[in-house]
Amino acid sequence: GYMSQSDKGEMVIGGGTDGFNNYTQRGSFHHIEETLRALV
């Protein structure tokens, strides 16, 4: 998980990659949940 603050004040958070091949341009909830749990 990685975090910075943008010029607009938003906290920009990055997570990991999905564990499977895909072409979706949306977030996977379990990744987001675990990343945020650790960052909190």
All heavy atoms as atom14 arrays in JSON, in Angstrom:
{
  "sequence": "GYMSQSDKGEMVIGGGTDGFNNYTQRGSFHHIEETLRALV",
  "atom14_mask": [
    [1, 1, 1, 1, 0, 0, 0, 0, 0, 0, 0, 0, 0, 0],
    [1, 1, 1, 1, 1, 1, 1, 1, 1, 1, 1, 1, 0, 0],
    [1, 1, 1, 1, 1, 1, 1, 1, 0, 0, 0, 0, 0, 0],
    [1, 1, 1, 1, 1, 1, 0, 0, 0, 0, 0, 0, 0, 0],
    [1, 1, 1, 1, 1, 1, 1, 1, 1, 0, 0, 0, 0, 0],
    [1, 1, 1, 1, 1, 1, 0, 0, 0, 0, 0, 0, 0, 0],
    [1, 1, 1, 1, 1, 1, 1, 1, 0, 0, 0, 0, 0, 0],
    [1, 1, 1, 1, 1, 1, 1, 1, 1, 0, 0, 0, 0, 0],
    [1, 1, 1, 1, 0, 0, 0, 0, 0, 0, 0, 0, 0, 0],
    [1, 1, 1, 1, 1, 1, 1, 1, 1, 0, 0, 0, 0, 0],
    [1, 1, 1, 1, 1, 1, 1, 1, 0, 0, 0, 0, 0, 0],
    [1, 1, 1, 1, 1, 1, 1, 0, 0, 0, 0, 0, 0, 0],
    [1, 1, 1, 1, 1, 1, 1, 1, 0, 0, 0, 0, 0, 0],
    [1, 1, 1, 1, 0, 0, 0, 0, 0, 0, 0, 0, 0, 0],
    [1, 1, 1, 1, 0, 0, 0, 0, 0, 0, 0, 0, 0, 0],
    [1, 1, 1, 1, 0, 0, 0, 0, 0, 0, 0, 0, 0, 0],
    [1, 1, 1, 1, 1, 1, 1, 0, 0, 0, 0, 0, 0, 0],
    [1, 1, 1, 1, 1, 1, 1, 1, 0, 0, 0, 0, 0, 0],
    [1, 1, 1, 1, 0, 0, 0, 0, 0, 0, 0, 0, 0, 0],
    [1, 1, 1, 1, 1, 1, 1, 1, 1, 1, 1, 0, 0, 0],
    [1, 1, 1, 1, 1, 1, 1, 1, 0, 0, 0, 0, 0, 0],
    [1, 1, 1, 1, 1, 1, 1, 1, 0, 0, 0, 0, 0, 0],
    [1, 1, 1, 1, 1, 1, 1, 1, 1, 1, 1, 1, 0, 0],
    [1, 1, 1, 1, 1, 1, 1, 0, 0, 0, 0, 0, 0, 0],
    [1, 1, 1, 1, 1, 1, 1, 1, 1, 0, 0, 0, 0, 0],
    [1, 1, 1, 1, 1, 1, 1, 1, 1, 1, 1, 0, 0, 0],
    [1, 1, 1, 1, 0, 0, 0, 0, 0, 0, 0, 0, 0, 0],
    [1, 1, 1, 1, 1, 1, 0, 0, 0, 0, 0, 0, 0, 0],
    [1, 1, 1, 1, 1, 1, 1, 1, 1, 1, 1, 0, 0, 0],
    [1, 1, 1, 1, 1, 1, 1, 1, 1, 1, 0, 0, 0, 0],
    [1, 1, 1, 1, 1, 1, 1, 1, 1, 1, 0, 0, 0, 0],
    [1, 1, 1, 1, 1, 1, 1, 1, 0, 0, 0, 0, 0, 0],
    [1, 1, 1, 1, 1, 1, 1, 1, 1, 0, 0, 0, 0, 0],
    [1, 1, 1, 1, 1, 1, 1, 1, 1, 0, 0, 0, 0, 0],
    [1, 1, 1, 1, 1, 1, 1, 0, 0, 0, 0, 0, 0, 0],
    [1, 1, 1, 1, 1, 1, 1, 1, 0, 0, 0, 0, 0, 0],
    [1, 1, 1, 1, 1, 1, 1, 1, 1, 1, 1, 0, 0, 0],
    [1, 1, 1, 1, 1, 0, 0, 0, 0, 0, 0, 0, 0, 0],
    [1, 1, 1, 1, 1, 1, 1, 1, 0, 0, 0, 0, 0, 0],
    [1, 1, 1, 1, 1, 1, 1, 0, 0, 0, 0, 0, 0, 0]
  ],
  "atom14_positions": [
    [[0.85, -1.18, 0.0], [0.0, 0.0, 0.0], [0.89, 1.23, 0.0], [1.94, 1.23, 0.63], [0.0, 0.0, 0.0], [0.0, 0.0, 0.0], [0.0, 0.0, 0.0], [0.0, 0.0, 0.0], [0.0, 0.0, 0.0], [0.0, 0.0, 0.0], [0.0, 0.0, 0.0], [0.0, 0.0, 0.0], [0.0, 0.0, 0.0], [0.0, 0.0, 0.0]],
    [[0.48, 2.25, -0.73], [1.29, 3.48, -0.74], [0.35, 4.67, -0.79], [-0.76, 4.6, -1.3], [2.28, 3.5, -1.9], [1.84, 2.81, -3.16], [1.26, 3.53, -4.2], [2.01, 1.44, -3.32], [0.86, 2.91, -5.37], [1.61, 0.8, -4.48], [1.03, 1.54, -5.5], [0.62, 0.92, -6.65], [0.0, 0.0, 0.0], [0.0, 0.0, 0.0]],
    [[0.82, 5.79, -0.23], [-0.07, 6.92, -0.06], [0.69, 8.23, -0.21], [1.83, 8.37, 0.21], [-0.74, 6.86, 1.32], [-1.86, 7.87, 1.5], [-2.92, 7.51, 2.92], [-1.9, 8.1, 4.23], [0.0, 0.0, 0.0], [0.0, 0.0, 0.0], [0.0, 0.0, 0.0], [0.0, 0.0, 0.0], [0.0, 0.0, 0.0], [0.0, 0.0, 0.0]],
    [[0.03, 9.19, -0.83], [0.54, 10.56, -0.92], [-0.67, 11.48, -0.93], [-1.81, 11.03, -1.04], [1.4, 10.75, -2.17], [0.61, 10.57, -3.35], [0.0, 0.0, 0.0], [0.0, 0.0, 0.0], [0.0, 0.0, 0.0], [0.0, 0.0, 0.0], [0.0, 0.0, 0.0], [0.0, 0.0, 0.0], [0.0, 0.0, 0.0], [0.0, 0.0, 0.0]],
    [[-0.41, 12.79, -0.82], [-1.51, 13.75, -0.87], [-1.38, 14.58, -2.14], [-0.32, 15.14, -2.43], [-1.49, 14.66, 0.36], [-2.75, 15.52, 0.47], [-2.92, 16.15, 1.83], [-1.97, 16.25, 2.61], [-4.13, 16.58, 2.15], [0.0, 0.0, 0.0], [0.0, 0.0, 0.0], [0.0, 0.0, 0.0], [0.0, 0.0, 0.0], [0.0, 0.0, 0.0]],
    [[-2.47, 14.66, -2.89], [-2.44, 15.38, -4.17], [-2.54, 16.88, -3.93], [-2.81, 17.35, -2.82], [-3.58, 14.93, -5.06], [-4.81, 15.49, -4.62], [0.0, 0.0, 0.0], [0.0, 0.0, 0.0], [0.0, 0.0, 0.0], [0.0, 0.0, 0.0], [0.0, 0.0, 0.0], [0.0, 0.0, 0.0], [0.0, 0.0, 0.0], [0.0, 0.0, 0.0]],
    [[-2.35, 17.65, -5.0], [-2.45, 19.11, -4.9], [-3.86, 19.55, -4.54], [-4.05, 20.65, -4.01], [-2.01, 19.75, -6.22], [-2.83, 19.25, -7.4], [-2.65, 18.09, -7.8], [-3.67, 20.02, -7.9], [0.0, 0.0, 0.0], [0.0, 0.0, 0.0], [0.0, 0.0, 0.0], [0.0, 0.0, 0.0], [0.0, 0.0, 0.0], [0.0, 0.0, 0.0]],
    [[-4.85, 18.71, -4.81], [-6.24, 19.05, -4.47], [-6.6, 18.64, -3.04], [-7.72, 18.86, -2.59], [-7.2, 18.38, -5.46], [-7.07, 18.9, -6.88], [-8.17, 18.39, -7.79], [-7.94, 16.94, -8.17], [-6.79, 16.76, -9.08], [0.0, 0.0, 0.0], [0.0, 0.0, 0.0], [0.0, 0.0, 0.0], [0.0, 0.0, 0.0], [0.0, 0.0, 0.0]],
    [[-5.66, 17.99, -2.33], [-5.9, 17.6, -0.95], [-6.36, 16.18, -0.77], [-6.52, 15.71, 0.36], [0.0, 0.0, 0.0], [0.0, 0.0, 0.0], [0.0, 0.0, 0.0], [0.0, 0.0, 0.0], [0.0, 0.0, 0.0], [0.0, 0.0, 0.0], [0.0, 0.0, 0.0], [0.0, 0.0, 0.0], [0.0, 0.0, 0.0], [0.0, 0.0, 0.0]],
    [[-6.61, 15.46, -1.87], [-7.05, 14.07, -1.76], [-5.89, 13.18, -1.34], [-4.75, 13.39, -1.75], [-7.59, 13.59, -3.11], [-8.78, 14.39, -3.63], [-9.04, 14.13, -5.1], [-8.07, 13.83, -5.83], [-10.21, 14.22, -5.53], [0.0, 0.0, 0.0], [0.0, 0.0, 0.0], [0.0, 0.0, 0.0], [0.0, 0.0, 0.0], [0.0, 0.0, 0.0]],
    [[-6.18, 12.18, -0.52], [-5.18, 11.16, -0.2], [-5.22, 10.11, -1.31], [-6.25, 9.45, -1.52], [-5.46, 10.52, 1.16], [-5.57, 11.52, 2.31], [-4.17, 12.64, 2.48], [-2.88, 11.54, 3.02], [0.0, 0.0, 0.0], [0.0, 0.0, 0.0], [0.0, 0.0, 0.0], [0.0, 0.0, 0.0], [0.0, 0.0, 0.0], [0.0, 0.0, 0.0]],
    [[-4.13, 10.01, -2.05], [-4.04, 9.09, -3.18], [-3.42, 7.79, -2.69], [-2.31, 7.78, -2.18], [-3.19, 9.69, -4.32], [-3.17, 8.75, -5.52], [-3.72, 11.05, -4.72], [0.0, 0.0, 0.0], [0.0, 0.0, 0.0], [0.0, 0.0, 0.0], [0.0, 0.0, 0.0], [0.0, 0.0, 0.0], [0.0, 0.0, 0.0], [0.0, 0.0, 0.0]],
    [[-4.16, 6.7, -2.84], [-3.75, 5.4, -2.28], [-3.64, 4.38, -3.4], [-4.53, 4.27, -4.25], [-4.75, 4.93, -1.21], [-4.77, 5.92, -0.04], [-4.43, 3.52, -0.72], [-5.89, 5.68, 0.95], [0.0, 0.0, 0.0], [0.0, 0.0, 0.0], [0.0, 0.0, 0.0], [0.0, 0.0, 0.0], [0.0, 0.0, 0.0], [0.0, 0.0, 0.0]],
    [[-2.55, 3.66, -3.41], [-2.36, 2.58, -4.37], [-2.31, 1.24, -3.67], [-1.81, 1.13, -2.55], [0.0, 0.0, 0.0], [0.0, 0.0, 0.0], [0.0, 0.0, 0.0], [0.0, 0.0, 0.0], [0.0, 0.0, 0.0], [0.0, 0.0, 0.0], [0.0, 0.0, 0.0], [0.0, 0.0, 0.0], [0.0, 0.0, 0.0], [0.0, 0.0, 0.0]],
    [[-2.84, 0.22, -4.32], [-2.82, -1.13, -3.77], [-2.0, -2.05, -4.64], [-1.17, -1.62, -5.44], [0.0, 0.0, 0.0], [0.0, 0.0, 0.0], [0.0, 0.0, 0.0], [0.0, 0.0, 0.0], [0.0, 0.0, 0.0], [0.0, 0.0, 0.0], [0.0, 0.0, 0.0], [0.0, 0.0, 0.0], [0.0, 0.0, 0.0], [0.0, 0.0, 0.0]],
    [[-2.24, -3.35, -4.51], [-1.51, -4.34, -5.29], [-2.25, -4.71, -6.56], [-3.31, -4.17, -6.89], [0.0, 0.0, 0.0], [0.0, 0.0, 0.0], [0.0, 0.0, 0.0], [0.0, 0.0, 0.0], [0.0, 0.0, 0.0], [0.0, 0.0, 0.0], [0.0, 0.0, 0.0], [0.0, 0.0, 0.0], [0.0, 0.0, 0.0], [0.0, 0.0, 0.0]],
    [[-1.66, -5.66, -7.28], [-2.29, -6.16, -8.5], [-3.19, -7.34, -8.17], [-2.99, -8.04, -7.17], [-1.24, -6.61, -9.51], [-0.36, -7.56, -8.89], [-0.43, -5.44, -10.02], [0.0, 0.0, 0.0], [0.0, 0.0, 0.0], [0.0, 0.0, 0.0], [0.0, 0.0, 0.0], [0.0, 0.0, 0.0], [0.0, 0.0, 0.0], [0.0, 0.0, 0.0]],
    [[-4.17, -7.57, -9.02], [-5.01, -8.76, -8.88], [-4.14, -10.01, -9.04], [-3.16, -10.0, -9.79], [-6.1, -8.77, -9.95], [-7.25, -7.84, -9.62], [-7.3, -7.35, -8.48], [-8.09, -7.59, -10.5], [0.0, 0.0, 0.0], [0.0, 0.0, 0.0], [0.0, 0.0, 0.0], [0.0, 0.0, 0.0], [0.0, 0.0, 0.0], [0.0, 0.0, 0.0]],
    [[-4.56, -11.08, -8.4], [-3.81, -12.33, -8.5], [-4.2, -13.16, -9.7], [-3.85, -14.35, -9.77], [0.0, 0.0, 0.0], [0.0, 0.0, 0.0], [0.0, 0.0, 0.0], [0.0, 0.0, 0.0], [0.0, 0.0, 0.0], [0.0, 0.0, 0.0], [0.0, 0.0, 0.0], [0.0, 0.0, 0.0], [0.0, 0.0, 0.0], [0.0, 0.0, 0.0]],
    [[-4.92, -12.59, -10.62], [-5.36, -13.33, -11.81], [-5.33, -12.4, -13.01], [-5.44, -11.18, -12.87], [-6.77, -13.9, -11.6], [-7.78, -12.87, -11.19], [-8.54, -12.2, -12.13], [-7.95, -12.55, -9.85], [-9.46, -11.24, -11.76], [-8.87, -11.58, -9.46], [-9.62, -10.93, -10.42], [0.0, 0.0, 0.0], [0.0, 0.0, 0.0], [0.0, 0.0, 0.0]],
    [[-5.16, -12.96, -14.2], [-5.1, -12.15, -15.42], [-6.49, -11.62, -15.77], [-7.46, -12.38, -15.76], [-4.56, -12.97, -16.59], [-3.17, -13.53, -16.31], [-2.89, -14.68, -16.56], [-2.31, -12.71, -15.78], [0.0, 0.0, 0.0], [0.0, 0.0, 0.0], [0.0, 0.0, 0.0], [0.0, 0.0, 0.0], [0.0, 0.0, 0.0], [0.0, 0.0, 0.0]],
    [[-6.55, -10.33, -16.08], [-7.84, -9.75, -16.47], [-7.61, -8.42, -17.15], [-6.52, -7.85, -17.1], [-8.76, -9.61, -15.25], [-8.24, -8.61, -14.25], [-8.5, -7.42, -14.35], [-7.49, -9.08, -13.25], [0.0, 0.0, 0.0], [0.0, 0.0, 0.0], [0.0, 0.0, 0.0], [0.0, 0.0, 0.0], [0.0, 0.0, 0.0], [0.0, 0.0, 0.0]],
    [[-8.68, -7.91, -17.77], [-8.62, -6.63, -18.47], [-9.64, -5.65, -17.9], [-10.12, -4.76, -18.6], [-8.88, -6.84, -19.96], [-7.73, -7.53, -20.66], [-7.73, -8.91, -20.84], [-6.64, -6.82, -21.11], [-6.69, -9.55, -21.45], [-5.57, -7.44, -21.73], [-5.6, -8.81, -21.9], [-4.55, -9.43, -22.51], [0.0, 0.0, 0.0], [0.0, 0.0, 0.0]],
    [[-9.98, -5.79, -16.63], [-10.95, -4.88, -16.02], [-10.25, -3.61, -15.56], [-9.13, -3.66, -15.07], [-11.64, -5.52, -14.81], [-10.64, -5.83, -13.82], [-12.35, -6.8, -15.2], [0.0, 0.0, 0.0], [0.0, 0.0, 0.0], [0.0, 0.0, 0.0], [0.0, 0.0, 0.0], [0.0, 0.0, 0.0], [0.0, 0.0, 0.0], [0.0, 0.0, 0.0]],
    [[-10.91, -2.49, -15.71], [-10.35, -1.22, -15.24], [-11.1, -0.74, -14.0], [-11.4, 0.43, -13.85], [-10.39, -0.18, -16.36], [-9.39, -0.47, -17.46], [-9.36, 0.6, -18.53], [-10.4, 1.01, -19.03], [-8.19, 1.06, -18.9], [0.0, 0.0, 0.0], [0.0, 0.0, 0.0], [0.0, 0.0, 0.0], [0.0, 0.0, 0.0], [0.0, 0.0, 0.0]],
    [[-11.36, -1.68, -13.1], [-12.02, -1.33, -11.84], [-11.27, -1.99, -10.7], [-10.54, -2.94, -10.89], [-13.48, -1.78, -11.85], [-13.67, -3.27, -12.0], [-15.14, -3.66, -11.95], [-15.32, -5.1, -12.01], [-15.47, -5.8, -13.12], [-15.47, -5.19, -14.29], [-15.62, -7.11, -13.09], [0.0, 0.0, 0.0], [0.0, 0.0, 0.0], [0.0, 0.0, 0.0]],
    [[-11.47, -1.47, -9.5], [-10.78, -2.01, -8.34], [-11.41, -3.3, -7.85], [-12.62, -3.5, -7.95], [0.0, 0.0, 0.0], [0.0, 0.0, 0.0], [0.0, 0.0, 0.0], [0.0, 0.0, 0.0], [0.0, 0.0, 0.0], [0.0, 0.0, 0.0], [0.0, 0.0, 0.0], [0.0, 0.0, 0.0], [0.0, 0.0, 0.0], [0.0, 0.0, 0.0]],
    [[-10.59, -4.2, -7.31], [-11.09, -5.43, -6.68], [-11.24, -5.18, -5.18], [-10.29, -4.79, -4.51], [-10.1, -6.58, -6.92], [-10.05, -6.91, -8.27], [0.0, 0.0, 0.0], [0.0, 0.0, 0.0], [0.0, 0.0, 0.0], [0.0, 0.0, 0.0], [0.0, 0.0, 0.0], [0.0, 0.0, 0.0], [0.0, 0.0, 0.0], [0.0, 0.0, 0.0]],
    [[-12.44, -5.43, -4.68], [-12.76, -4.98, -3.33], [-11.87, -5.61, -2.27], [-11.46, -4.94, -1.32], [-14.24, -5.27, -3.02], [-14.66, -4.7, -1.68], [-14.87, -3.34, -1.54], [-14.8, -5.5, -0.58], [-15.24, -2.8, -0.32], [-15.16, -4.98, 0.65], [-15.4, -3.63, 0.77], [0.0, 0.0, 0.0], [0.0, 0.0, 0.0], [0.0, 0.0, 0.0]],
    [[-11.53, -6.89, -2.42], [-10.74, -7.53, -1.36], [-9.34, -6.92, -1.27], [-8.77, -6.8, -0.18], [-10.66, -9.04, -1.59], [-9.92, -9.45, -2.81], [-10.45, -9.33, -4.08], [-8.68, -9.94, -2.99], [-9.57, -9.75, -4.97], [-8.48, -10.12, -4.33], [0.0, 0.0, 0.0], [0.0, 0.0, 0.0], [0.0, 0.0, 0.0], [0.0, 0.0, 0.0]],
    [[-8.77, -6.51, -2.4], [-7.47, -5.83, -2.39], [-7.57, -4.49, -1.67], [-6.73, -4.15, -0.84], [-7.01, -5.56, -3.83], [-6.12, -6.62, -4.38], [-4.92, -6.97, -3.78], [-6.22, -7.4, -5.47], [-4.35, -7.93, -4.47], [-5.12, -8.21, -5.51], [0.0, 0.0, 0.0], [0.0, 0.0, 0.0], [0.0, 0.0, 0.0], [0.0, 0.0, 0.0]],
    [[-8.61, -3.75, -2.0], [-8.78, -2.43, -1.42], [-9.0, -2.53, 0.08], [-8.42, -1.77, 0.87], [-9.97, -1.72, -2.11], [-9.6, -1.4, -3.57], [-10.37, -0.46, -1.37], [-10.78, -1.08, -4.44], [0.0, 0.0, 0.0], [0.0, 0.0, 0.0], [0.0, 0.0, 0.0], [0.0, 0.0, 0.0], [0.0, 0.0, 0.0], [0.0, 0.0, 0.0]],
    [[-9.8, -3.5, 0.49], [-10.1, -3.66, 1.91], [-8.82, -3.99, 2.7], [-8.56, -3.39, 3.75], [-11.14, -4.77, 2.1], [-11.6, -4.91, 3.55], [-12.66, -5.99, 3.7], [-12.69, -6.91, 2.87], [-13.44, -5.91, 4.64], [0.0, 0.0, 0.0], [0.0, 0.0, 0.0], [0.0, 0.0, 0.0], [0.0, 0.0, 0.0], [0.0, 0.0, 0.0]],
    [[-8.01, -4.91, 2.2], [-6.8, -5.29, 2.92], [-5.78, -4.16, 2.93], [-5.12, -3.9, 3.93], [-6.18, -6.55, 2.29], [-4.88, -7.01, 2.93], [-4.98, -7.22, 4.44], [-6.06, -7.62, 4.93], [-3.98, -6.96, 5.13], [0.0, 0.0, 0.0], [0.0, 0.0, 0.0], [0.0, 0.0, 0.0], [0.0, 0.0, 0.0], [0.0, 0.0, 0.0]],
    [[-5.66, -3.44, 1.82], [-4.73, -2.31, 1.76], [-5.13, -1.24, 2.76], [-4.29, -0.73, 3.52], [-4.7, -1.72, 0.34], [-4.24, -2.71, -0.58], [-3.77, -0.52, 0.27], [0.0, 0.0, 0.0], [0.0, 0.0, 0.0], [0.0, 0.0, 0.0], [0.0, 0.0, 0.0], [0.0, 0.0, 0.0], [0.0, 0.0, 0.0], [0.0, 0.0, 0.0]],
    [[-6.41, -0.89, 2.79], [-6.88, 0.15, 3.71], [-6.79, -0.31, 5.16], [-6.48, 0.49, 6.05], [-8.31, 0.55, 3.37], [-8.47, 1.36, 2.09], [-9.93, 1.69, 1.85], [-7.65, 2.64, 2.14], [0.0, 0.0, 0.0], [0.0, 0.0, 0.0], [0.0, 0.0, 0.0], [0.0, 0.0, 0.0], [0.0, 0.0, 0.0], [0.0, 0.0, 0.0]],
    [[-7.04, -1.59, 5.4], [-6.95, -2.1, 6.77], [-5.53, -1.91, 7.32], [-5.34, -1.49, 8.46], [-7.32, -3.59, 6.78], [-7.58, -4.14, 8.19], [-7.83, -5.63, 8.13], [-9.0, -5.97, 7.33], [-9.05, -6.99, 6.48], [-8.01, -7.76, 6.31], [-10.16, -7.24, 5.82], [0.0, 0.0, 0.0], [0.0, 0.0, 0.0], [0.0, 0.0, 0.0]],
    [[-4.53, -2.19, 6.48], [-3.14, -2.03, 6.9], [-2.77, -0.55, 7.01], [-2.06, -0.15, 7.95], [-2.23, -2.73, 5.91], [0.0, 0.0, 0.0], [0.0, 0.0, 0.0], [0.0, 0.0, 0.0], [0.0, 0.0, 0.0], [0.0, 0.0, 0.0], [0.0, 0.0, 0.0], [0.0, 0.0, 0.0], [0.0, 0.0, 0.0], [0.0, 0.0, 0.0]],
    [[-3.24, 0.28, 6.06], [-2.89, 1.7, 6.1], [-3.55, 2.41, 7.27], [-2.98, 3.36, 7.83], [-3.27, 2.37, 4.78], [-2.4, 2.03, 3.57], [-2.94, 2.7, 2.31], [-0.95, 2.45, 3.79], [0.0, 0.0, 0.0], [0.0, 0.0, 0.0], [0.0, 0.0, 0.0], [0.0, 0.0, 0.0], [0.0, 0.0, 0.0], [0.0, 0.0, 0.0]],
    [[-4.73, 1.98, 7.67], [-5.4, 2.58, 8.83], [-4.57, 2.33, 10.09], [-4.5, 3.2, 10.99], [-6.83, 2.03, 8.99], [-7.38, 2.29, 10.38], [-7.75, 2.66, 7.95], [0.0, 0.0, 0.0], [0.0, 0.0, 0.0], [0.0, 0.0, 0.0], [0.0, 0.0, 0.0], [0.0, 0.0, 0.0], [0.0, 0.0, 0.0], [0.0, 0.0, 0.0]]
  ]
}
